[in-house]
Amino acid sequence: MSAVDLRLAGGTVVLPSGAQSADVLISDGVLSGIVDPGTPVEARETLDVSGRHVLPGVVDAHVHLGADITMPRTREEVRPE
């Protein structure tokens, strides 16, 4: 395997098959591999995520709607944030 841009090392990776200790590899902003901890892979940057859960492919799509979640009521009330 060629060098990757980023290695997320030491975390608990949550996959459809369950949680496991693994390192996540990222190249060009895309998940490029999941390897056993300590597997020799050259990485331009390594981020220690020990004690954290890593959820590859999960997008956090929550939003904060503010105090009045009934807005906007009309097209004219829509405004870019």
Protein backbone atom coordinates (compact mmCIF):
# COMPACT_ATOMS: atom_id res chain seq x y z
CA MET A 1 0.00 0.00 0.00
CA SER A 2 1.35 3.45 -0.88
CA ALA A 3 1.49 6.30 1.61
CA VAL A 4 -1.83 7.65 2.85
CA ASP A 5 -2.63 11.23 3.81
CA LEU A 6 -4.06 10.54 7.27
CA ARG A 7 -4.13 7.69 9.75
CA LEU A 8 -6.67 7.74 12.58
CA ALA A 9 -4.83 5.56 15.08
CA GLY A 10 -5.88 3.82 18.27
CA GLY A 11 -9.65 4.28 18.12
CA THR A 12 -12.59 1.93 18.30
CA VAL A 13 -13.96 1.64 14.78
CA VAL A 14 -17.70 0.97 14.56
CA LEU A 15 -18.65 -1.14 11.54
CA PRO A 16 -21.86 -2.98 10.58
CA SER A 17 -20.22 -6.13 11.99
CA GLY A 18 -19.56 -4.44 15.35
CA ALA A 19 -16.96 -2.34 17.14
CA GLN A 20 -13.28 -3.26 16.95
CA SER A 21 -9.87 -1.78 17.58
CA ALA A 22 -8.53 -0.61 14.23
CA ASP A 23 -6.83 2.25 12.42
CA VAL A 24 -8.62 4.14 9.64
CA LEU A 25 -6.67 5.29 6.58
CA ILE A 26 -7.67 8.29 4.47
CA SER A 27 -6.28 9.36 1.07
CA ASP A 28 -7.48 12.35 -0.96
CA GLY A 29 -10.33 12.85 1.54
CA VAL A 30 -11.67 9.34 0.99
CA LEU A 31 -11.56 6.29 3.26
CA SER A 32 -8.85 4.11 1.76
CA GLY A 33 -8.53 1.34 4.31
CA ILE A 34 -9.15 -0.08 7.76
CA VAL A 35 -6.20 -1.95 9.22
CA ASP A 36 -5.26 -3.66 12.46
CA PRO A 37 -3.59 -1.31 14.95
CA GLY A 38 0.13 -1.05 14.34
CA THR A 39 -0.01 -2.39 10.79
CA PRO A 40 2.92 -0.75 8.98
CA VAL A 41 1.47 1.89 6.62
CA GLU A 42 3.24 5.14 5.81
CA ALA A 43 1.04 8.15 6.62
CA ARG A 44 1.78 11.82 6.05
CA GLU A 45 -0.10 12.60 9.28
CA THR A 46 -1.26 10.44 12.18
CA LEU A 47 -4.01 11.54 14.53
CA ASP A 48 -4.22 9.72 17.88
CA VAL A 49 -7.90 8.95 18.47
CA SER A 50 -7.36 6.64 21.44
CA GLY A 51 -10.41 6.42 23.66
CA ARG A 52 -12.72 7.61 20.87
CA HIS A 53 -15.17 5.91 18.56
CA VAL A 54 -14.64 6.29 14.81
CA LEU A 55 -17.68 5.85 12.57
CA PRO A 56 -16.43 5.68 8.97
CA GLY A 57 -19.07 6.70 6.48
CA VAL A 58 -21.43 8.19 9.05
CA VAL A 59 -22.55 11.76 8.40
CA ASP A 60 -23.71 13.88 11.33
CA ALA A 61 -26.69 15.62 9.77
CA HIS A 62 -28.16 17.25 12.87
CA VAL A 63 -29.05 20.94 12.77
CA HIS A 64 -29.87 23.70 15.23
CA LEU A 65 -33.14 25.32 14.24
CA GLY A 66 -33.12 28.08 16.83
CA ALA A 67 -35.83 29.28 19.17
CA ASP A 68 -38.63 29.38 16.59
CA ILE A 69 -38.59 26.12 14.68
CA THR A 70 -41.75 27.07 12.82
CA MET A 71 -39.75 29.54 10.68
CA PRO A 72 -39.70 30.03 7.77
CA ARG A 73 -43.42 30.06 7.15
CA THR A 74 -43.28 31.69 3.73
CA ARG A 75 -40.78 31.86 0.86
CA GLU A 76 -40.02 35.48 1.78
CA GLU A 77 -38.84 34.45 5.28
CA VAL A 78 -36.15 32.13 3.89
CA ARG A 79 -32.66 33.60 4.29
CA PRO A 80 -29.19 32.16 3.84
CA GLU A 81 -27.18 31.59 7.01
